[in-house]
């Protein structure tokens, strides 16, 4: 999927179509304090094996790409529902 760096779309705050900057959202570091991670660390302690089965079958060909749009006028950001794409590229 090729997206332009600037795109004209509707801004709910300005209540009109304005130019938006397109930015791919980077994945942040997972928190060690979340319940799932605490459970995983507890299960992995000691002499036990890995708590989950190995994934069967092939890997999916596409991933969900989260994209953030920032309005040039009011500087408000939006993150609409992500779309699936095999590869993602921001052009000029």
PDB file of N, CA and C in Angstrom:
ATOM      1  N   UNK A   1       0.851  -1.166   0.000  1.00  0.00           N
ATOM      2  CA  UNK A   1       0.000   0.000   0.000  1.00  0.00           C
ATOM      3  C   UNK A   1       0.900   1.232   0.000  1.00  0.00           C
ATOM      4  N   UNK A   2       0.707   2.100  -0.936  1.00  0.00           N
ATOM      5  CA  UNK A   2       1.476   3.336  -1.031  1.00  0.00           C
ATOM      6  C   UNK A   2       0.580   4.503  -0.638  1.00  0.00           C
ATOM      7  N   UNK A   3       0.953   5.228   0.402  1.00  0.00           N
ATOM      8  CA  UNK A   3       0.193   6.398   0.856  1.00  0.00           C
ATOM      9  C   UNK A   3       1.033   7.646   0.652  1.00  0.00           C
ATOM     10  N   UNK A   4       0.409   8.752   0.254  1.00  0.00           N
ATOM     11  CA  UNK A   4       1.160  10.009   0.164  1.00  0.00           C
ATOM     12  C   UNK A   4       1.444  10.569   1.560  1.00  0.00           C
ATOM     13  N   UNK A   5       2.494  11.387   1.675  1.00  0.00           N
ATOM     14  CA  UNK A   5       2.866  11.958   2.968  1.00  0.00           C
ATOM     15  C   UNK A   5       1.817  12.943   3.465  1.00  0.00           C
ATOM     16  N   UNK A   6       1.171  13.671   2.554  1.00  0.00           N
ATOM     17  CA  UNK A   6       0.090  14.596   2.911  1.00  0.00           C
ATOM     18  C   UNK A   6      -1.143  14.202   2.108  1.00  0.00           C
ATOM     19  N   UNK A   7      -2.284  14.154   2.809  1.00  0.00           N
ATOM     20  CA  UNK A   7      -3.528  13.754   2.154  1.00  0.00           C
ATOM     21  C   UNK A   7      -4.648  14.657   2.650  1.00  0.00           C
ATOM     22  N   UNK A   8      -5.607  14.956   1.785  1.00  0.00           N
ATOM     23  CA  UNK A   8      -6.728  15.798   2.177  1.00  0.00           C
ATOM     24  C   UNK A   8      -7.868  14.906   2.641  1.00  0.00           C
ATOM     25  N   UNK A   9      -8.270  15.080   3.919  1.00  0.00           N
ATOM     26  CA  UNK A   9      -9.361  14.290   4.472  1.00  0.00           C
ATOM     27  C   UNK A   9     -10.139  15.118   5.481  1.00  0.00           C
ATOM     28  N   UNK A  10     -11.284  14.582   5.930  1.00  0.00           N
ATOM     29  CA  UNK A  10     -12.170  15.317   6.815  1.00  0.00           C
ATOM     30  C   UNK A  10     -11.608  15.383   8.231  1.00  0.00           C
ATOM     31  N   UNK A  11     -11.619  16.593   8.807  1.00  0.00           N
ATOM     32  CA  UNK A  11     -11.190  16.793  10.193  1.00  0.00           C
ATOM     33  C   UNK A  11     -12.438  17.057  11.040  1.00  0.00           C
ATOM     34  N   UNK A  12     -12.768  16.162  11.992  1.00  0.00           N
ATOM     35  CA  UNK A  12     -13.968  16.360  12.813  1.00  0.00           C
ATOM     36  C   UNK A  12     -13.893  17.583  13.716  1.00  0.00           C
ATOM     37  N   UNK A  13     -12.690  18.022  14.071  1.00  0.00           N
ATOM     38  CA  UNK A  13     -12.571  19.197  14.932  1.00  0.00           C
ATOM     39  C   UNK A  13     -12.799  20.480  14.143  1.00  0.00           C
ATOM     40  N   UNK A  14     -12.171  20.581  12.961  1.00  0.00           N
ATOM     41  CA  UNK A  14     -12.365  21.764  12.106  1.00  0.00           C
ATOM     42  C   UNK A  14     -13.706  21.721  11.376  1.00  0.00           C
ATOM     43  N   UNK A  15     -14.308  20.546  11.287  1.00  0.00           N
ATOM     44  CA  UNK A  15     -15.580  20.304  10.595  1.00  0.00           C
ATOM     45  C   UNK A  15     -15.503  20.644   9.103  1.00  0.00           C
ATOM     46  N   UNK A  16     -14.333  20.350   8.503  1.00  0.00           N
ATOM     47  CA  UNK A  16     -14.175  20.532   7.054  1.00  0.00           C
ATOM     48  C   UNK A  16     -12.988  19.695   6.586  1.00  0.00           C
ATOM     49  N   UNK A  17     -12.833  19.599   5.276  1.00  0.00           N
ATOM     50  CA  UNK A  17     -11.705  18.867   4.724  1.00  0.00           C
ATOM     51  C   UNK A  17     -10.444  19.723   4.787  1.00  0.00           C
ATOM     52  N   UNK A  18      -9.391  19.176   5.376  1.00  0.00           N
ATOM     53  CA  UNK A  18      -8.107  19.869   5.473  1.00  0.00           C
ATOM     54  C   UNK A  18      -6.993  18.899   5.100  1.00  0.00           C
ATOM     55  N   UNK A  19      -5.782  19.420   4.948  1.00  0.00           N
ATOM     56  CA  UNK A  19      -4.617  18.591   4.647  1.00  0.00           C
ATOM     57  C   UNK A  19      -4.136  17.926   5.933  1.00  0.00           C
ATOM     58  N   UNK A  20      -3.874  16.618   5.863  1.00  0.00           N
ATOM     59  CA  UNK A  20      -3.402  15.849   7.016  1.00  0.00           C
ATOM     60  C   UNK A  20      -2.046  15.239   6.700  1.00  0.00           C
ATOM     61  N   UNK A  21      -1.185  15.176   7.722  1.00  0.00           N
ATOM     62  CA  UNK A  21       0.083  14.453   7.598  1.00  0.00           C
ATOM     63  C   UNK A  21      -0.164  12.986   7.908  1.00  0.00           C
ATOM     64  N   UNK A  22       0.421  12.096   7.112  1.00  0.00           N
ATOM     65  CA  UNK A  22       0.270  10.658   7.296  1.00  0.00           C
ATOM     66  C   UNK A  22       1.528  10.127   7.970  1.00  0.00           C
ATOM     67  N   UNK A  23       1.343   9.310   9.022  1.00  0.00           N
ATOM     68  CA  UNK A  23       2.475   8.791   9.776  1.00  0.00           C
ATOM     69  C   UNK A  23       2.165   7.356  10.207  1.00  0.00           C
ATOM     70  N   UNK A  24       3.126   6.458  10.011  1.00  0.00           N
ATOM     71  CA  UNK A  24       2.961   5.081  10.461  1.00  0.00           C
ATOM     72  C   UNK A  24       3.297   5.022  11.945  1.00  0.00           C
ATOM     73  N   UNK A  25       2.467   4.332  12.729  1.00  0.00           N
ATOM     74  CA  UNK A  25       2.670   4.259  14.170  1.00  0.00           C
ATOM     75  C   UNK A  25       3.647   3.134  14.475  1.00  0.00           C
ATOM     76  N   UNK A  26       4.659   3.454  15.267  1.00  0.00           N
ATOM     77  CA  UNK A  26       5.650   2.451  15.658  1.00  0.00           C
ATOM     78  C   UNK A  26       5.138   1.689  16.880  1.00  0.00           C
ATOM     79  N   UNK A  27       5.481   0.405  16.947  1.00  0.00           N
ATOM     80  CA  UNK A  27       5.082  -0.411  18.082  1.00  0.00           C
ATOM     81  C   UNK A  27       5.945  -0.053  19.280  1.00  0.00           C
ATOM     82  N   UNK A  28       5.298   0.190  20.423  1.00  0.00           N
ATOM     83  CA  UNK A  28       6.058   0.555  21.612  1.00  0.00           C
ATOM     84  C   UNK A  28       6.416  -0.700  22.393  1.00  0.00           C
ATOM     85  N   UNK A  29       7.350  -0.555  23.326  1.00  0.00           N
ATOM     86  CA  UNK A  29       7.808  -1.677  24.124  1.00  0.00           C
ATOM     87  C   UNK A  29       6.677  -2.164  25.026  1.00  0.00           C
ATOM     88  N   UNK A  30       6.473  -3.478  25.070  1.00  0.00           N
ATOM     89  CA  UNK A  30       5.404  -4.043  25.883  1.00  0.00           C
ATOM     90  C   UNK A  30       5.718  -3.862  27.365  1.00  0.00           C
ATOM     91  N   UNK A  31       4.691  -3.601  28.155  1.00  0.00           N
ATOM     92  CA  UNK A  31       4.864  -3.377  29.588  1.00  0.00           C
ATOM     93  C   UNK A  31       5.049  -4.714  30.306  1.00  0.00           C
ATOM     94  N   UNK A  32       5.995  -4.749  31.231  1.00  0.00           N
ATOM     95  CA  UNK A  32       6.232  -5.951  32.030  1.00  0.00           C
ATOM     96  C   UNK A  32       5.187  -6.097  33.138  1.00  0.00           C
ATOM     97  N   UNK A  33       4.399  -5.050  33.371  1.00  0.00           N
ATOM     98  CA  UNK A  33       3.437  -5.076  34.475  1.00  0.00           C
ATOM     99  C   UNK A  33       2.050  -5.554  34.049  1.00  0.00           C
ATOM    100  N   UNK A  34       1.827  -5.808  32.765  1.00  0.00           N
ATOM    101  CA  UNK A  34       0.521  -6.275  32.298  1.00  0.00           C
ATOM    102  C   UNK A  34       0.267  -7.698  32.799  1.00  0.00           C
ATOM    103  N   UNK A  35      -1.006  -8.032  32.982  1.00  0.00           N
ATOM    104  CA  UNK A  35      -1.374  -9.325  33.565  1.00  0.00           C
ATOM    105  C   UNK A  35      -0.874 -10.492  32.729  1.00  0.00           C
ATOM    106  N   UNK A  36      -0.997 -10.411  31.418  1.00  0.00           N
ATOM    107  CA  UNK A  36      -0.553 -11.507  30.562  1.00  0.00           C
ATOM    108  C   UNK A  36       0.946 -11.743  30.660  1.00  0.00           C
ATOM    109  N   UNK A  37       1.718 -10.674  30.734  1.00  0.00           N
ATOM    110  CA  UNK A  37       3.175 -10.803  30.832  1.00  0.00           C
ATOM    111  C   UNK A  37       3.575 -11.349  32.206  1.00  0.00           C
ATOM    112  N   UNK A  38       2.882 -10.930  33.256  1.00  0.00           N
ATOM    113  CA  UNK A  38       3.164 -11.452  34.597  1.00  0.00           C
ATOM    114  C   UNK A  38       2.872 -12.946  34.667  1.00  0.00           C
ATOM    115  N   UNK A  39       1.748 -13.366  34.044  1.00  0.00           N
ATOM    116  CA  UNK A  39       1.386 -14.784  34.012  1.00  0.00           C
ATOM    117  C   UNK A  39       2.431 -15.573  33.228  1.00  0.00           C
ATOM    118  N   UNK A  40       2.880 -15.024  32.096  1.00  0.00           N
ATOM    119  CA  UNK A  40       3.890 -15.686  31.255  1.00  0.00           C
ATOM    120  C   UNK A  40       5.193 -15.856  32.019  1.00  0.00           C
ATOM    121  N   UNK A  41       5.641 -14.803  32.707  1.00  0.00           N
ATOM    122  CA  UNK A  41       6.891 -14.875  33.474  1.00  0.00           C
ATOM    123  C   UNK A  41       6.786 -15.897  34.607  1.00  0.00           C
ATOM    124  N   UNK A  42       5.615 -15.979  35.255  1.00  0.00           N
ATOM    125  CA  UNK A  42       5.427 -16.932  36.340  1.00  0.00           C
ATOM    126  C   UNK A  42       5.475 -18.368  35.814  1.00  0.00           C
ATOM    127  N   UNK A  43       4.846 -18.627  34.666  1.00  0.00           N
ATOM    128  CA  UNK A  43       4.820 -19.968  34.088  1.00  0.00           C
ATOM    129  C   UNK A  43       6.204 -20.377  33.594  1.00  0.00           C
ATOM    130  N   UNK A  44       6.986 -19.428  33.060  1.00  0.00           N
ATOM    131  CA  UNK A  44       8.305 -19.738  32.513  1.00  0.00           C
ATOM    132  C   UNK A  44       9.351 -19.979  33.598  1.00  0.00           C
ATOM    133  N   UNK A  45       9.035 -19.623  34.859  1.00  0.00           N
ATOM    134  CA  UNK A  45       9.980 -19.842  35.942  1.00  0.00           C
ATOM    135  C   UNK A  45      10.133 -21.339  36.213  1.00  0.00           C
ATOM    136  N   UNK A  46      11.294 -21.766  36.670  1.00  0.00           N
ATOM    137  CA  UNK A  46      11.472 -23.154  37.086  1.00  0.00           C
ATOM    138  C   UNK A  46      11.844 -24.066  35.928  1.00  0.00           C
ATOM    139  N   UNK A  47      11.363 -25.313  35.986  1.00  0.00           N
ATOM    140  CA  UNK A  47      11.788 -26.335  35.028  1.00  0.00           C
ATOM    141  C   UNK A  47      10.712 -26.671  34.006  1.00  0.00           C
ATOM    142  N   UNK A  48       9.639 -25.912  33.970  1.00  0.00           N
ATOM    143  CA  UNK A  48       8.559 -26.205  33.020  1.00  0.00           C
ATOM    144  C   UNK A  48       8.937 -25.777  31.612  1.00  0.00           C
ATOM    145  N   UNK A  49       8.172 -26.263  30.633  1.00  0.00           N
ATOM    146  CA  UNK A  49       8.412 -25.906  29.238  1.00  0.00           C
ATOM    147  C   UNK A  49       7.657 -24.647  28.854  1.00  0.00           C
ATOM    148  N   UNK A  50       7.633 -24.372  27.558  1.00  0.00           N
ATOM    149  CA  UNK A  50       6.950 -23.189  27.049  1.00  0.00           C
ATOM    150  C   UNK A  50       5.451 -23.363  27.229  1.00  0.00           C
ATOM    151  N   UNK A  51       4.714 -22.330  27.716  1.00  0.00           N
ATOM    152  CA  UNK A  51       3.307 -22.505  28.079  1.00  0.00           C
ATOM    153  C   UNK A  51       2.331 -22.566  26.905  1.00  0.00           C
ATOM    154  N   UNK A  52       2.778 -22.224  25.712  1.00  0.00           N
ATOM    155  CA  UNK A  52       1.844 -22.200  24.572  1.00  0.00           C
ATOM    156  C   UNK A  52       2.300 -23.202  23.518  1.00  0.00           C
ATOM    157  N   UNK A  53       1.361 -23.759  22.743  1.00  0.00           N
ATOM    158  CA  UNK A  53       1.766 -24.666  21.663  1.00  0.00           C
ATOM    159  C   UNK A  53       2.446 -23.903  20.533  1.00  0.00           C
ATOM    160  N   UNK A  54       3.267 -24.599  19.769  1.00  0.00           N
ATOM    161  CA  UNK A  54       3.924 -23.966  18.626  1.00  0.00           C
ATOM    162  C   UNK A  54       2.872 -23.662  17.566  1.00  0.00           C
ATOM    163  N   UNK A  55       2.981 -22.514  16.863  1.00  0.00           N
ATOM    164  CA  UNK A  55       1.975 -22.170  15.859  1.00  0.00           C
ATOM    165  C   UNK A  55       1.997 -23.147  14.689  1.00  0.00           C
ATOM    166  N   UNK A  56       0.822 -23.617  14.302  1.00  0.00           N
ATOM    167  CA  UNK A  56       0.698 -24.567  13.192  1.00  0.00           C
ATOM    168  C   UNK A  56       0.345 -23.828  11.911  1.00  0.00           C
ATOM    169  N   UNK A  57       0.730 -24.373  10.789  1.00  0.00           N
ATOM    170  CA  UNK A  57       0.386 -23.785   9.497  1.00  0.00           C
ATOM    171  C   UNK A  57       1.337 -22.667   9.120  1.00  0.00           C
ATOM    172  N   UNK A  58       0.954 -21.910   8.106  1.00  0.00           N
ATOM    173  CA  UNK A  58       1.834 -20.867   7.594  1.00  0.00           C
ATOM    174  C   UNK A  58       1.527 -19.513   8.238  1.00  0.00           C
ATOM    175  N   UNK A  59       2.439 -18.579   8.029  1.00  0.00           N
ATOM    176  CA  UNK A  59       2.259 -17.231   8.541  1.00  0.00           C
ATOM    177  C   UNK A  59       1.339 -16.453   7.599  1.00  0.00           C
ATOM    178  N   UNK A  60       0.596 -15.525   8.133  1.00  0.00           N
ATOM    179  CA  UNK A  60      -0.305 -14.718   7.292  1.00  0.00           C
ATOM    180  C   UNK A  60       0.516 -13.829   6.363  1.00  0.00           C
ATOM    181  N   UNK A  61      -0.049 -13.548   5.180  1.00  0.00           N
ATOM    182  CA  UNK A  61       0.681 -12.761   4.183  1.00  0.00           C
ATOM    183  C   UNK A  61       0.550 -11.270   4.403  1.00  0.00           C
ATOM    184  N   UNK A  62      -0.396 -10.850   5.234  1.00  0.00           N
ATOM    185  CA  UNK A  62      -0.581  -9.419   5.461  1.00  0.00           C
ATOM    186  C   UNK A  62      -0.665  -9.132   6.948  1.00  0.00           C
ATOM    187  N   UNK A  63      -0.358  -7.887   7.310  1.00  0.00           N
ATOM    188  CA  UNK A  63      -0.417  -7.433   8.695  1.00  0.00           C
ATOM    189  C   UNK A  63      -1.328  -6.212   8.767  1.00  0.00           C
ATOM    190  N   UNK A  64      -1.820  -5.913   9.964  1.00  0.00           N
ATOM    191  CA  UNK A  64      -2.590  -4.688  10.153  1.00  0.00           C
ATOM    192  C   UNK A  64      -1.620  -3.533  10.327  1.00  0.00           C
ATOM    193  N   UNK A  65      -1.789  -2.484   9.533  1.00  0.00           N
ATOM    194  CA  UNK A  65      -0.896  -1.335   9.568  1.00  0.00           C
ATOM    195  C   UNK A  65      -1.625  -0.174  10.237  1.00  0.00           C
ATOM    196  N   UNK A  66      -1.225   0.226  11.457  1.00  0.00           N
ATOM    197  CA  UNK A  66      -1.854   1.391  12.089  1.00  0.00           C
ATOM    198  C   UNK A  66      -1.268   2.686  11.529  1.00  0.00           C
ATOM    199  N   UNK A  67      -2.139   3.604  11.095  1.00  0.00           N
ATOM    200  CA  UNK A  67      -1.717   4.867  10.497  1.00  0.00           C
ATOM    201  C   UNK A  67      -2.335   6.015  11.285  1.00  0.00           C
ATOM    202  N   UNK A  68      -1.541   7.067  11.526  1.00  0.00           N
ATOM    203  CA  UNK A  68      -2.014   8.246  12.259  1.00  0.00           C
ATOM    204  C   UNK A  68      -2.083   9.426  11.306  1.00  0.00           C
ATOM    205  N   UNK A  69      -3.197  10.153  11.340  1.00  0.00           N
ATOM    206  CA  UNK A  69      -3.384  11.355  10.534  1.00  0.00           C
ATOM    207  C   UNK A  69      -3.384  12.566  11.461  1.00  0.00           C
ATOM    208  N   UNK A  70      -2.591  13.590  11.134  1.00  0.00           N
ATOM    209  CA  UNK A  70      -2.526  14.812  11.935  1.00  0.00           C
ATOM    210  C   UNK A  70      -2.952  15.990  11.071  1.00  0.00           C
ATOM    211  N   UNK A  71      -3.945  16.731  11.545  1.00  0.00           N
ATOM    212  CA  UNK A  71      -4.455  17.887  10.812  1.00  0.00           C
ATOM    213  C   UNK A  71      -3.415  19.003  10.816  1.00  0.00           C
ATOM    214  N   UNK A  72      -3.194  19.634   9.658  1.00  0.00           N
ATOM    215  CA  UNK A  72      -2.229  20.736   9.563  1.00  0.00           C
ATOM    216  C   UNK A  72      -2.755  22.012  10.213  1.00  0.00           C
ATOM    217  N   UNK A  73      -4.082  22.179  10.261  1.00  0.00           N
ATOM    218  CA  UNK A  73      -4.669  23.415  10.774  1.00  0.00           C
ATOM    219  C   UNK A  73      -4.732  23.408  12.306  1.00  0.00           C
ATOM    220  N   UNK A  74      -5.384  22.379  12.882  1.00  0.00           N
ATOM    221  CA  UNK A  74      -5.591  22.355  14.336  1.00  0.00           C
ATOM    222  C   UNK A  74      -4.612  21.436  15.066  1.00  0.00           C
ATOM    223  N   UNK A  75      -3.771  20.689  14.342  1.00  0.00           N
ATOM    224  CA  UNK A  75      -2.751  19.789  14.907  1.00  0.00           C
ATOM    225  C   UNK A  75      -3.350  18.628  15.711  1.00  0.00           C
ATOM    226  N   UNK A  76      -4.630  18.324  15.494  1.00  0.00           N
ATOM    227  CA  UNK A  76      -5.268  17.197  16.178  1.00  0.00           C
ATOM    228  C   UNK A  76      -4.989  15.930  15.385  1.00  0.00           C
ATOM    229  N   UNK A  77      -4.770  14.804  16.093  1.00  0.00           N
ATOM    230  CA  UNK A  77      -4.428  13.546  15.439  1.00  0.00           C
ATOM    231  C   UNK A  77      -5.581  12.565  15.512  1.00  0.00           C
ATOM    232  N   UNK A  78      -5.693  11.706  14.484  1.00  0.00           N
ATOM    233  CA  UNK A  78      -6.721  10.677  14.406  1.00  0.00           C
ATOM    234  C   UNK A  78      -6.065   9.367  14.038  1.00  0.00           C
ATOM    235  N   UNK A  79      -6.588   8.290  14.588  1.00  0.00           N
ATOM    236  CA  UNK A  79      -6.127   6.963  14.200  1.00  0.00           C
ATOM    237  C   UNK A  79      -7.356   6.137  13.841  1.00  0.00           C
ATOM    238  N   UNK A  80      -7.719   6.108  12.550  1.00  0.00           N
ATOM    239  CA  UNK A  80      -8.875   5.315  12.143  1.00  0.00           C
ATOM    240  C   UNK A  80      -8.564   3.825  12.252  1.00  0.00           C
ATOM    241  N   UNK A  81      -9.562   2.937  12.113  1.00  0.00           N
ATOM    242  CA  UNK A  81      -9.291   1.502  12.176  1.00  0.00           C
ATOM    243  C   UNK A  81      -8.232   1.101  11.153  1.00  0.00           C
ATOM    244  N   UNK A  82      -7.313   0.236  11.584  1.00  0.00           N
ATOM    245  CA  UNK A  82      -6.181  -0.135  10.732  1.00  0.00           C
ATOM    246  C   UNK A  82      -6.633  -1.019   9.574  1.00  0.00           C
ATOM    247  N   UNK A  83      -5.852  -0.994   8.487  1.00  0.00           N
ATOM    248  CA  UNK A  83      -6.138  -1.784   7.297  1.00  0.00           C
ATOM    249  C   UNK A  83      -5.068  -2.846   7.133  1.00  0.00           C
ATOM    250  N   UNK A  84      -5.447  -3.958   6.514  1.00  0.00           N
ATOM    251  CA  UNK A  84      -4.471  -5.016   6.246  1.00  0.00           C
ATOM    252  C   UNK A  84      -3.716  -4.716   4.969  1.00  0.00           C
ATOM    253  N   UNK A  85      -2.415  -4.980   5.009  1.00  0.00           N
ATOM    254  CA  UNK A  85      -1.596  -4.755   3.831  1.00  0.00           C
ATOM    255  C   UNK A  85      -0.339  -5.624   3.918  1.00  0.00           C
ATOM    256  N   UNK A  86       0.112  -6.105   2.768  1.00  0.00           N
ATOM    257  CA  UNK A  86       1.326  -6.917   2.719  1.00  0.00           C
ATOM    258  C   UNK A  86       2.557  -6.067   2.994  1.00  0.00           C
ATOM    259  N   UNK A  87       2.626  -4.896   2.362  1.00  0.00           N
ATOM    260  CA  UNK A  87       3.705  -3.968   2.653  1.00  0.00           C
ATOM    261  C   UNK A  87       3.142  -2.551   2.657  1.00  0.00           C
ATOM    262  N   UNK A  88       3.795  -1.663   3.390  1.00  0.00           N
ATOM    263  CA  UNK A  88       3.301  -0.299   3.557  1.00  0.00           C
ATOM    264  C   UNK A  88       4.432   0.667   3.276  1.00  0.00           C
ATOM    265  N   UNK A  89       4.116   1.715   2.515  1.00  0.00           N
ATOM    266  CA  UNK A  89       5.142   2.685   2.134  1.00  0.00           C
ATOM    267  C   UNK A  89       4.510   4.069   2.084  1.00  0.00           C
ATOM    268  N   UNK A  90       5.215   5.060   2.622  1.00  0.00           N
ATOM    269  CA  UNK A  90       4.755   6.450   2.558  1.00  0.00           C
ATOM    270  C   UNK A  90       5.592   7.158   1.513  1.00  0.00           C
ATOM    271  N   UNK A  91       4.918   7.682   0.468  1.00  0.00           N
ATOM    272  CA  UNK A  91       5.600   8.371  -0.624  1.00  0.00           C
ATOM    273  C   UNK A  91       5.678   9.862  -0.382  1.00  0.00           C
ATOM    274  N   UNK A  92       6.050  10.586  -1.401  1.00  0.00           N
ATOM    275  CA  UNK A  92       6.172  12.052  -1.297  1.00  0.00           C
ATOM    276  C   UNK A  92       4.998  12.756  -1.900  1.00  0.00           C
TER     277      UNK A  92
END
